[in-house]
Amino acid sequence: MSYCEGKESATVKITWSGGDKESVVSEYPGVEVTSKPSYSYKITYHHDVRPNSNNFQDSYDSFKELGILEEPISYQLISSSDGKIVDLKVASGTPQKETTIVMARNSSYGSIFSNLQLVRGDLYTEVRVVDKKSTVKLSRKGSANWDVVCSDECPPGQIKCEHPGYPGFCCIPCKPTANKINNLAAKVGK
């Protein structure tokens, strides 16, 4: 959906689920706003340093760290018969691409690797604002909601009031303002 077509400017006001707020101002509307959710992933595996020793667990915090930029569809552990060479094959994207990552190679201790797990972590959302001249991408942990305000208009659910400072008006929320007026009227009527 294109917002503010034919207007002088557009302001996209984004509210993240964590409570943070950001604005993107475009002087070249119409603007299109889209969001794309993704998840962080952690890859864990056990690494036996010596026979009969304690295992420890290595991990990667995200596939981006491993060079995979799109959310994985599937993964597969490819191991040598002795478990000392381990690769990770990840399928991702549309069209589907496969990437092989060398997870571990035999060390001087004769390490054995096992129990590979892919653990889905936090939700991230990328909000993309595209106008006639540029694209702005914002990404944060959690989900996002947004409103688009055109030139000298107020967001949905707000009313415009004259104001002596720039830009000559302010926007106030309709419902809370109406509730305050009704409460005041009820008190005055007593």
N, C-alpha and C. Protein backbone atom coordinates (compact mmCIF):
# COMPACT_ATOMS: atom_id res chain seq x y z
N MET A 1 0.85 -1.18 0.00
CA MET A 1 0.00 0.00 0.00
C MET A 1 0.89 1.24 0.00
N SER A 2 0.55 2.20 -0.84
CA SER A 2 1.31 3.44 -0.92
C SER A 2 0.62 4.51 -0.07
N TYR A 3 1.41 5.16 0.78
CA TYR A 3 0.88 6.19 1.67
C TYR A 3 1.30 7.58 1.19
N CYS A 4 0.43 8.55 1.41
CA CYS A 4 0.72 9.97 1.24
C CYS A 4 1.05 10.38 -0.20
N GLU A 5 0.51 9.68 -1.15
CA GLU A 5 0.73 10.03 -2.56
C GLU A 5 0.25 11.45 -2.80
N GLY A 6 1.07 12.29 -3.44
CA GLY A 6 0.70 13.66 -3.74
C GLY A 6 0.88 14.64 -2.60
N LYS A 7 1.34 14.18 -1.45
CA LYS A 7 1.58 15.06 -0.30
C LYS A 7 3.04 15.53 -0.30
N GLU A 8 3.34 16.54 0.53
CA GLU A 8 4.70 17.08 0.59
C GLU A 8 5.65 16.18 1.36
N SER A 9 5.15 15.48 2.37
CA SER A 9 6.02 14.61 3.17
C SER A 9 5.19 13.50 3.79
N ALA A 10 5.91 12.50 4.27
CA ALA A 10 5.29 11.39 4.99
C ALA A 10 6.19 11.05 6.16
N THR A 11 5.59 10.81 7.32
CA THR A 11 6.34 10.39 8.50
C THR A 11 5.82 9.03 8.93
N VAL A 12 6.72 8.06 8.98
CA VAL A 12 6.37 6.72 9.44
C VAL A 12 6.80 6.63 10.90
N LYS A 13 5.83 6.44 11.79
CA LYS A 13 6.10 6.35 13.23
C LYS A 13 6.01 4.88 13.62
N ILE A 14 7.17 4.32 14.01
CA ILE A 14 7.26 2.89 14.32
C ILE A 14 7.34 2.71 15.83
N THR A 15 6.54 1.78 16.34
CA THR A 15 6.58 1.41 17.76
C THR A 15 6.99 -0.05 17.83
N TRP A 16 8.11 -0.30 18.51
CA TRP A 16 8.61 -1.67 18.66
C TRP A 16 7.99 -2.30 19.89
N SER A 17 7.88 -3.61 19.89
CA SER A 17 7.23 -4.30 21.01
C SER A 17 7.94 -4.07 22.33
N GLY A 18 9.22 -3.72 22.32
CA GLY A 18 9.94 -3.40 23.54
C GLY A 18 9.64 -2.01 24.08
N GLY A 19 8.84 -1.20 23.33
CA GLY A 19 8.45 0.13 23.78
C GLY A 19 9.21 1.26 23.10
N ASP A 20 10.31 0.94 22.42
CA ASP A 20 11.06 1.98 21.71
C ASP A 20 10.25 2.52 20.54
N LYS A 21 10.49 3.79 20.20
CA LYS A 21 9.80 4.43 19.08
C LYS A 21 10.82 5.07 18.16
N GLU A 22 10.56 5.00 16.86
CA GLU A 22 11.41 5.62 15.86
C GLU A 22 10.53 6.23 14.79
N SER A 23 11.06 7.25 14.12
CA SER A 23 10.34 7.87 13.01
C SER A 23 11.24 7.94 11.79
N VAL A 24 10.64 7.74 10.64
CA VAL A 24 11.33 7.91 9.36
C VAL A 24 10.53 8.95 8.59
N VAL A 25 11.20 10.05 8.19
CA VAL A 25 10.53 11.12 7.46
C VAL A 25 10.97 11.05 6.01
N SER A 26 10.00 11.09 5.11
CA SER A 26 10.28 11.10 3.67
C SER A 26 9.77 12.39 3.06
N GLU A 27 10.62 13.02 2.27
CA GLU A 27 10.23 14.21 1.52
C GLU A 27 9.80 13.84 0.10
N TYR A 28 9.73 12.53 -0.19
CA TYR A 28 9.41 12.05 -1.54
C TYR A 28 8.33 10.96 -1.51
N PRO A 29 7.14 11.26 -0.93
CA PRO A 29 6.09 10.24 -0.91
C PRO A 29 5.51 10.04 -2.31
N GLY A 30 4.79 8.95 -2.55
CA GLY A 30 4.25 7.98 -1.62
C GLY A 30 5.31 7.03 -1.11
N VAL A 31 5.03 6.56 0.10
CA VAL A 31 5.90 5.61 0.75
C VAL A 31 5.19 4.28 0.89
N GLU A 32 5.98 3.23 0.84
CA GLU A 32 5.47 1.89 1.12
C GLU A 32 6.20 1.39 2.35
N VAL A 33 5.45 0.77 3.25
CA VAL A 33 6.02 0.26 4.49
C VAL A 33 5.72 -1.23 4.56
N THR A 34 6.76 -2.03 4.76
CA THR A 34 6.59 -3.47 4.92
C THR A 34 7.41 -3.93 6.10
N SER A 35 7.05 -5.08 6.63
CA SER A 35 7.84 -5.67 7.71
C SER A 35 8.11 -7.13 7.40
N LYS A 36 9.24 -7.61 7.89
CA LYS A 36 9.63 -8.99 7.65
C LYS A 36 10.18 -9.55 8.96
N PRO A 37 9.51 -10.55 9.54
CA PRO A 37 10.03 -11.15 10.77
C PRO A 37 11.11 -12.18 10.45
N SER A 38 12.04 -12.33 11.37
CA SER A 38 13.04 -13.39 11.27
C SER A 38 13.44 -13.77 12.69
N TYR A 39 14.18 -14.84 12.81
CA TYR A 39 14.59 -15.31 14.12
C TYR A 39 16.11 -15.43 14.17
N SER A 40 16.65 -15.28 15.36
CA SER A 40 18.05 -15.61 15.54
C SER A 40 18.11 -17.12 15.78
N TYR A 41 19.23 -17.71 15.45
CA TYR A 41 19.41 -19.14 15.64
C TYR A 41 20.72 -19.39 16.35
N LYS A 42 20.73 -20.43 17.12
CA LYS A 42 21.97 -20.85 17.76
C LYS A 42 22.21 -22.30 17.34
N ILE A 43 23.44 -22.61 16.94
CA ILE A 43 23.83 -23.96 16.59
C ILE A 43 24.68 -24.47 17.74
N THR A 44 24.30 -25.59 18.30
CA THR A 44 25.08 -26.15 19.39
C THR A 44 25.52 -27.56 19.02
N TYR A 45 26.65 -27.96 19.54
CA TYR A 45 27.11 -29.33 19.35
C TYR A 45 28.05 -29.69 20.50
N HIS A 46 28.15 -30.97 20.77
CA HIS A 46 29.04 -31.43 21.83
C HIS A 46 30.40 -31.75 21.22
N HIS A 47 31.41 -31.51 22.00
CA HIS A 47 32.78 -31.63 21.54
C HIS A 47 33.54 -32.41 22.61
N ASP A 48 33.81 -33.68 22.34
CA ASP A 48 34.57 -34.51 23.28
C ASP A 48 36.05 -34.28 23.03
N VAL A 49 36.72 -33.64 23.96
CA VAL A 49 38.13 -33.31 23.77
C VAL A 49 39.00 -34.56 23.87
N ARG A 50 38.76 -35.39 24.88
CA ARG A 50 39.48 -36.65 25.04
C ARG A 50 38.46 -37.72 25.41
N PRO A 51 38.73 -38.95 25.08
CA PRO A 51 37.81 -40.01 25.50
C PRO A 51 37.58 -39.94 27.00
N ASN A 52 36.33 -40.14 27.39
CA ASN A 52 35.91 -40.15 28.79
C ASN A 52 36.10 -38.82 29.51
N SER A 53 36.27 -37.73 28.78
CA SER A 53 36.38 -36.43 29.44
C SER A 53 35.01 -35.76 29.46
N ASN A 54 34.92 -34.64 30.14
CA ASN A 54 33.66 -33.90 30.16
C ASN A 54 33.41 -33.26 28.80
N ASN A 55 32.17 -33.28 28.38
CA ASN A 55 31.80 -32.60 27.14
C ASN A 55 31.69 -31.11 27.40
N PHE A 56 31.93 -30.30 26.38
CA PHE A 56 31.55 -28.90 26.46
C PHE A 56 30.82 -28.55 25.17
N GLN A 57 30.12 -27.45 25.19
CA GLN A 57 29.22 -27.11 24.10
C GLN A 57 29.69 -25.81 23.45
N ASP A 58 29.85 -25.86 22.14
CA ASP A 58 30.16 -24.66 21.38
C ASP A 58 28.89 -24.16 20.73
N SER A 59 28.83 -22.90 20.38
CA SER A 59 27.64 -22.41 19.68
C SER A 59 27.98 -21.22 18.82
N TYR A 60 27.12 -20.99 17.84
CA TYR A 60 27.17 -19.79 17.01
C TYR A 60 25.89 -19.03 17.29
N ASP A 61 25.98 -17.72 17.47
CA ASP A 61 24.81 -16.94 17.87
C ASP A 61 23.82 -16.70 16.75
N SER A 62 24.25 -16.76 15.51
CA SER A 62 23.30 -16.57 14.43
C SER A 62 23.86 -17.13 13.14
N PHE A 63 22.98 -17.42 12.22
CA PHE A 63 23.43 -17.89 10.92
C PHE A 63 24.15 -16.78 10.16
N LYS A 64 23.80 -15.52 10.42
CA LYS A 64 24.48 -14.41 9.75
C LYS A 64 25.97 -14.44 10.06
N GLU A 65 26.29 -14.82 11.29
CA GLU A 65 27.68 -14.96 11.70
C GLU A 65 28.40 -16.01 10.84
N LEU A 66 27.63 -16.98 10.34
CA LEU A 66 28.20 -18.05 9.53
C LEU A 66 28.06 -17.78 8.03
N GLY A 67 27.55 -16.62 7.66
CA GLY A 67 27.46 -16.27 6.25
C GLY A 67 26.14 -16.62 5.59
N ILE A 68 25.15 -17.06 6.36
CA ILE A 68 23.83 -17.39 5.81
C ILE A 68 22.90 -16.24 6.14
N LEU A 69 22.41 -15.54 5.12
CA LEU A 69 21.68 -14.31 5.36
C LEU A 69 20.17 -14.49 5.41
N GLU A 70 19.68 -15.66 5.01
CA GLU A 70 18.24 -15.88 5.00
C GLU A 70 17.88 -16.98 6.00
N GLU A 71 16.64 -16.96 6.46
CA GLU A 71 16.21 -17.92 7.46
C GLU A 71 16.33 -19.35 6.92
N PRO A 72 16.93 -20.24 7.73
CA PRO A 72 17.13 -21.61 7.25
C PRO A 72 15.84 -22.40 7.11
N ILE A 73 15.81 -23.25 6.09
CA ILE A 73 14.68 -24.15 5.88
C ILE A 73 14.99 -25.49 6.54
N SER A 74 16.23 -25.96 6.36
CA SER A 74 16.64 -27.22 6.96
C SER A 74 18.14 -27.21 7.18
N TYR A 75 18.59 -28.15 7.97
CA TYR A 75 20.03 -28.29 8.20
C TYR A 75 20.36 -29.77 8.33
N GLN A 76 21.62 -30.10 8.09
CA GLN A 76 22.05 -31.48 8.15
C GLN A 76 23.49 -31.53 8.62
N LEU A 77 23.76 -32.46 9.54
CA LEU A 77 25.11 -32.70 10.01
C LEU A 77 25.77 -33.72 9.09
N ILE A 78 26.93 -33.38 8.56
CA ILE A 78 27.67 -34.30 7.72
C ILE A 78 28.95 -34.62 8.48
N SER A 79 29.09 -35.87 8.88
CA SER A 79 30.19 -36.25 9.76
C SER A 79 30.97 -37.40 9.14
N SER A 80 32.26 -37.41 9.39
CA SER A 80 33.06 -38.55 8.96
C SER A 80 32.71 -39.75 9.85
N SER A 81 33.07 -40.93 9.41
CA SER A 81 32.68 -42.14 10.14
C SER A 81 33.25 -42.17 11.56
N ASP A 82 34.38 -41.52 11.79
CA ASP A 82 34.94 -41.49 13.14
C ASP A 82 34.46 -40.29 13.96
N GLY A 83 33.61 -39.43 13.35
CA GLY A 83 33.05 -38.29 14.08
C GLY A 83 34.04 -37.17 14.34
N LYS A 84 35.16 -37.18 13.63
CA LYS A 84 36.19 -36.17 13.88
C LYS A 84 36.15 -35.02 12.89
N ILE A 85 35.38 -35.16 11.82
CA ILE A 85 35.20 -34.07 10.85
C ILE A 85 33.71 -33.80 10.75
N VAL A 86 33.31 -32.58 10.99
CA VAL A 86 31.89 -32.24 11.00
C VAL A 86 31.65 -31.01 10.14
N ASP A 87 30.76 -31.13 9.18
CA ASP A 87 30.31 -30.00 8.39
C ASP A 87 28.82 -29.80 8.65
N LEU A 88 28.35 -28.60 8.43
CA LEU A 88 26.93 -28.29 8.54
C LEU A 88 26.44 -27.84 7.17
N LYS A 89 25.42 -28.51 6.66
CA LYS A 89 24.83 -28.12 5.38
C LYS A 89 23.47 -27.48 5.69
N VAL A 90 23.29 -26.24 5.26
CA VAL A 90 22.06 -25.49 5.55
C VAL A 90 21.39 -25.12 4.23
N ALA A 91 20.08 -25.40 4.14
CA ALA A 91 19.28 -24.96 3.00
C ALA A 91 18.49 -23.74 3.43
N SER A 92 18.50 -22.70 2.61
CA SER A 92 17.78 -21.48 2.96
C SER A 92 17.36 -20.73 1.71
N GLY A 93 16.43 -19.78 1.91
CA GLY A 93 16.07 -18.85 0.85
C GLY A 93 15.08 -19.39 -0.17
N THR A 94 14.63 -18.47 -1.04
CA THR A 94 13.75 -18.79 -2.16
C THR A 94 14.30 -18.06 -3.37
N PRO A 95 14.77 -18.70 -4.41
CA PRO A 95 14.87 -20.16 -4.54
C PRO A 95 15.86 -20.71 -3.53
N GLN A 96 15.68 -21.99 -3.20
CA GLN A 96 16.47 -22.61 -2.16
C GLN A 96 17.94 -22.72 -2.55
N LYS A 97 18.83 -22.35 -1.62
CA LYS A 97 20.27 -22.46 -1.81
C LYS A 97 20.82 -23.32 -0.68
N GLU A 98 21.87 -24.06 -0.97
CA GLU A 98 22.53 -24.83 0.08
C GLU A 98 23.90 -24.25 0.35
N THR A 99 24.24 -24.15 1.63
CA THR A 99 25.53 -23.64 2.05
C THR A 99 26.16 -24.67 2.97
N THR A 100 27.41 -25.00 2.74
CA THR A 100 28.11 -25.92 3.64
C THR A 100 29.13 -25.14 4.44
N ILE A 101 29.09 -25.34 5.76
CA ILE A 101 29.97 -24.65 6.67
C ILE A 101 30.82 -25.69 7.38
N VAL A 102 32.10 -25.48 7.42
CA VAL A 102 32.96 -26.37 8.17
C VAL A 102 32.82 -26.00 9.64
N MET A 103 32.20 -26.88 10.39
CA MET A 103 31.99 -26.61 11.82
C MET A 103 33.25 -26.94 12.61
N ALA A 104 33.87 -28.08 12.32
CA ALA A 104 35.02 -28.48 13.12
C ALA A 104 35.85 -29.51 12.37
N ARG A 105 37.11 -29.47 12.63
CA ARG A 105 38.03 -30.45 12.07
C ARG A 105 38.79 -31.11 13.22
N ASN A 106 39.32 -32.29 12.96
CA ASN A 106 40.06 -33.04 13.96
C ASN A 106 41.18 -32.18 14.55
N SER A 107 41.31 -32.24 15.86
CA SER A 107 42.40 -31.51 16.52
C SER A 107 43.46 -32.50 16.98
N SER A 108 44.49 -32.00 17.58
CA SER A 108 45.55 -32.87 18.05
C SER A 108 45.08 -33.80 19.16
N TYR A 109 43.94 -33.47 19.77
CA TYR A 109 43.40 -34.32 20.82
C TYR A 109 42.53 -35.45 20.26
N GLY A 110 42.30 -35.45 18.96
CA GLY A 110 41.42 -36.47 18.39
C GLY A 110 39.96 -36.22 18.76
N SER A 111 39.54 -34.97 18.69
CA SER A 111 38.19 -34.59 19.12
C SER A 111 37.11 -35.33 18.34
N ILE A 112 36.00 -35.57 19.02
CA ILE A 112 34.82 -36.14 18.38
C ILE A 112 33.67 -35.16 18.62
N PHE A 113 32.89 -34.88 17.56
CA PHE A 113 31.79 -33.92 17.64
C PHE A 113 30.47 -34.66 17.46
N SER A 114 29.46 -34.27 18.23
CA SER A 114 28.17 -34.96 18.13
C SER A 114 27.05 -34.04 18.60
N ASN A 115 25.83 -34.55 18.46
CA ASN A 115 24.62 -33.90 18.99
C ASN A 115 24.40 -32.47 18.49
N LEU A 116 24.50 -32.27 17.20
CA LEU A 116 24.24 -30.95 16.63
C LEU A 116 22.77 -30.59 16.84
N GLN A 117 22.51 -29.36 17.27
CA GLN A 117 21.14 -28.88 17.43
C GLN A 117 21.03 -27.48 16.87
N LEU A 118 19.90 -27.22 16.27
CA LEU A 118 19.57 -25.89 15.80
C LEU A 118 18.49 -25.35 16.74
N VAL A 119 18.78 -24.27 17.45
CA VAL A 119 17.85 -23.73 18.44
C VAL A 119 17.37 -22.37 17.95
N ARG A 120 16.05 -22.23 17.76
CA ARG A 120 15.50 -20.95 17.34
C ARG A 120 15.40 -20.04 18.55
N GLY A 121 15.88 -18.81 18.39
CA GLY A 121 15.92 -17.87 19.50
C GLY A 121 14.92 -16.74 19.34
N ASP A 122 15.41 -15.53 19.46
CA ASP A 122 14.57 -14.35 19.52
C ASP A 122 13.99 -13.95 18.16
N LEU A 123 12.79 -13.38 18.21
CA LEU A 123 12.15 -12.81 17.02
C LEU A 123 12.73 -11.43 16.76
N TYR A 124 13.09 -11.17 15.52
CA TYR A 124 13.53 -9.86 15.07
C TYR A 124 12.61 -9.42 13.95
N THR A 125 12.39 -8.13 13.80
CA THR A 125 11.57 -7.61 12.71
C THR A 125 12.35 -6.52 11.98
N GLU A 126 12.34 -6.63 10.66
CA GLU A 126 12.92 -5.57 9.83
C GLU A 126 11.76 -4.79 9.22
N VAL A 127 11.73 -3.48 9.46
CA VAL A 127 10.74 -2.60 8.85
C VAL A 127 11.44 -1.86 7.72
N ARG A 128 10.83 -1.91 6.54
CA ARG A 128 11.42 -1.28 5.36
C ARG A 128 10.49 -0.17 4.89
N VAL A 129 11.05 1.05 4.77
CA VAL A 129 10.30 2.22 4.28
C VAL A 129 10.91 2.61 2.94
N VAL A 130 10.10 2.53 1.89
CA VAL A 130 10.58 2.83 0.54
C VAL A 130 9.81 4.03 -0.01
N ASP A 131 10.55 5.06 -0.46
CA ASP A 131 9.91 6.19 -1.13
C ASP A 131 10.44 6.26 -2.56
N LYS A 132 10.19 7.37 -3.25
CA LYS A 132 10.57 7.49 -4.65
C LYS A 132 12.08 7.61 -4.86
N LYS A 133 12.85 7.88 -3.77
CA LYS A 133 14.29 8.07 -3.94
C LYS A 133 15.15 7.13 -3.12
N SER A 134 14.63 6.52 -2.07
CA SER A 134 15.50 5.71 -1.22
C SER A 134 14.73 4.63 -0.47
N THR A 135 15.51 3.79 0.21
CA THR A 135 14.97 2.75 1.08
C THR A 135 15.65 2.85 2.44
N VAL A 136 14.85 2.83 3.50
CA VAL A 136 15.38 2.83 4.86
C VAL A 136 14.96 1.51 5.50
N LYS A 137 15.94 0.80 6.08
CA LYS A 137 15.66 -0.46 6.77
C LYS A 137 16.00 -0.29 8.25
N LEU A 138 15.06 -0.67 9.10
CA LEU A 138 15.27 -0.64 10.54
C LEU A 138 14.98 -2.04 11.07
N SER A 139 15.84 -2.54 11.92
CA SER A 139 15.66 -3.89 12.45
C SER A 139 15.89 -3.88 13.94
N ARG A 140 14.98 -4.53 14.65
CA ARG A 140 15.09 -4.62 16.11
C ARG A 140 14.52 -5.94 16.59
N LYS A 141 14.87 -6.25 17.81
CA LYS A 141 14.32 -7.43 18.47
C LYS A 141 12.84 -7.20 18.74
N GLY A 142 12.01 -8.21 18.51
CA GLY A 142 10.58 -8.13 18.76
C GLY A 142 9.80 -7.81 17.50
N SER A 143 8.56 -7.40 17.69
CA SER A 143 7.69 -7.06 16.56
C SER A 143 7.53 -5.54 16.48
N ALA A 144 6.86 -5.09 15.41
CA ALA A 144 6.70 -3.65 15.20
C ALA A 144 5.32 -3.32 14.67
N ASN A 145 4.82 -2.15 15.06
CA ASN A 145 3.60 -1.56 14.51
C ASN A 145 3.97 -0.16 14.03
N TRP A 146 3.22 0.35 13.07
CA TRP A 146 3.52 1.70 12.59
C TRP A 146 2.27 2.42 12.15
N ASP A 147 2.36 3.74 12.16
CA ASP A 147 1.36 4.65 11.61
C ASP A 147 2.07 5.56 10.63
N VAL A 148 1.37 5.98 9.60
CA VAL A 148 1.94 6.91 8.64
C VAL A 148 1.14 8.20 8.69
N VAL A 149 1.85 9.32 8.86
CA VAL A 149 1.22 10.63 8.92
C VAL A 149 1.68 11.42 7.70
N CYS A 150 0.73 11.98 6.98
CA CYS A 150 1.04 12.74 5.76
C CYS A 150 1.09 14.24 6.06
N SER A 151 2.09 14.91 5.53
CA SER A 151 2.28 16.37 5.60
C SER A 151 1.74 17.00 6.86
N ASP A 152 0.62 17.66 6.76
CA ASP A 152 0.06 18.40 7.89
C ASP A 152 -1.17 17.70 8.46
N GLU A 153 -1.15 16.39 8.48
CA GLU A 153 -2.27 15.63 9.03
C GLU A 153 -1.87 14.99 10.35
N CYS A 154 -2.86 14.49 11.07
CA CYS A 154 -2.62 13.78 12.32
C CYS A 154 -2.83 12.28 12.09
N PRO A 155 -2.21 11.45 12.91
CA PRO A 155 -2.41 10.01 12.77
C PRO A 155 -3.85 9.62 13.05
N PRO A 156 -4.26 8.44 12.62
CA PRO A 156 -5.61 7.96 12.92
C PRO A 156 -5.86 7.96 14.42
N GLY A 157 -7.04 8.38 14.84
CA GLY A 157 -7.40 8.41 16.26
C GLY A 157 -6.95 9.67 16.98
N GLN A 158 -6.42 10.66 16.22
CA GLN A 158 -6.01 11.92 16.83
C GLN A 158 -6.66 13.07 16.08
N ILE A 159 -6.78 14.21 16.78
CA ILE A 159 -7.41 15.39 16.18
C ILE A 159 -6.40 16.53 16.16
N LYS A 160 -6.51 17.37 15.15
CA LYS A 160 -5.58 18.49 14.96
C LYS A 160 -6.09 19.72 15.71
N CYS A 161 -5.17 20.35 16.46
CA CYS A 161 -5.49 21.58 17.19
C CYS A 161 -4.46 22.65 16.81
N GLU A 162 -4.91 23.89 16.74
CA GLU A 162 -3.99 24.98 16.44
C GLU A 162 -2.99 25.14 17.58
N HIS A 163 -1.77 25.50 17.19
CA HIS A 163 -0.70 25.65 18.17
C HIS A 163 0.23 26.76 17.66
N PRO A 164 0.70 27.67 18.55
CA PRO A 164 1.50 28.80 18.08
C PRO A 164 2.89 28.41 17.55
N GLY A 165 3.44 27.27 17.99
CA GLY A 165 4.77 26.86 17.54
C GLY A 165 4.71 26.10 16.22
N TYR A 166 5.91 25.83 15.69
CA TYR A 166 6.00 25.07 14.44
C TYR A 166 5.43 23.69 14.64
N PRO A 167 4.67 23.14 13.77
CA PRO A 167 4.28 23.60 12.43
C PRO A 167 2.95 24.33 12.42
N GLY A 168 2.51 24.84 13.57
CA GLY A 168 1.26 25.60 13.63
C GLY A 168 0.08 24.77 14.13
N PHE A 169 0.32 23.52 14.46
CA PHE A 169 -0.74 22.66 14.99
C PHE A 169 -0.10 21.57 15.85
N CYS A 170 -0.93 20.91 16.63
CA CYS A 170 -0.49 19.73 17.37
C CYS A 170 -1.58 18.68 17.24
N CYS A 171 -1.25 17.45 17.51
CA CYS A 171 -2.21 16.35 17.43
C CYS A 171 -2.44 15.81 18.83
N ILE A 172 -3.71 15.66 19.19
CA ILE A 172 -4.03 15.09 20.50
C ILE A 172 -4.92 13.87 20.29
N PRO A 173 -4.78 12.85 21.16
CA PRO A 173 -5.58 11.64 21.01
C PRO A 173 -7.05 11.88 21.33
N CYS A 174 -7.93 11.41 20.46
CA CYS A 174 -9.37 11.67 20.60
C CYS A 174 -9.98 10.99 21.82
N LYS A 175 -9.81 9.69 21.96
CA LYS A 175 -10.50 8.95 23.00
C LYS A 175 -10.10 9.40 24.41
N PRO A 176 -8.79 9.48 24.75
CA PRO A 176 -8.45 9.94 26.10
C PRO A 176 -8.91 11.38 26.36
N THR A 177 -8.86 12.24 25.35
CA THR A 177 -9.31 13.62 25.51
C THR A 177 -10.82 13.66 25.75
N ALA A 178 -11.57 12.85 25.00
CA ALA A 178 -13.02 12.79 25.20
C ALA A 178 -13.36 12.27 26.60
N ASN A 179 -12.60 11.28 27.08
CA ASN A 179 -12.84 10.75 28.43
C ASN A 179 -12.59 11.83 29.49
N LYS A 180 -11.54 12.63 29.32
CA LYS A 180 -11.24 13.70 30.28
C LYS A 180 -12.35 14.75 30.27
N ILE A 181 -12.84 15.11 29.10
CA ILE A 181 -13.92 16.10 29.00
C ILE A 181 -15.18 15.56 29.65
N ASN A 182 -15.51 14.29 29.40
CA ASN A 182 -16.71 13.68 30.00
C ASN A 182 -16.58 13.61 31.52
N ASN A 183 -15.42 13.27 32.04
CA ASN A 183 -15.21 13.22 33.48
C ASN A 183 -15.34 14.60 34.09
N LEU A 184 -14.77 15.61 33.42
CA LEU A 184 -14.85 16.98 33.91
C LEU A 184 -16.32 17.47 33.88
N ALA A 185 -17.05 17.14 32.81
CA ALA A 185 -18.45 17.54 32.71
C ALA A 185 -19.29 16.88 33.81
N ALA A 186 -18.98 15.63 34.13
CA ALA A 186 -19.71 14.93 35.19
C ALA A 186 -19.46 15.60 36.54
N LYS A 187 -18.21 16.03 36.79
CA LYS A 187 -17.87 16.68 38.06
C LYS A 187 -18.53 18.07 38.16
N VAL A 188 -18.55 18.82 37.05
CA VAL A 188 -19.13 20.16 37.05
C VAL A 188 -20.64 20.09 37.22
N GLY A 189 -21.25 19.05 36.68
CA GLY A 189 -22.70 18.90 36.73
C GLY A 189 -23.22 18.56 38.10
N LYS A 190 -22.37 18.26 39.06
CA LYS A 190 -22.83 17.88 40.42
C LYS A 190 -23.15 19.06 41.25
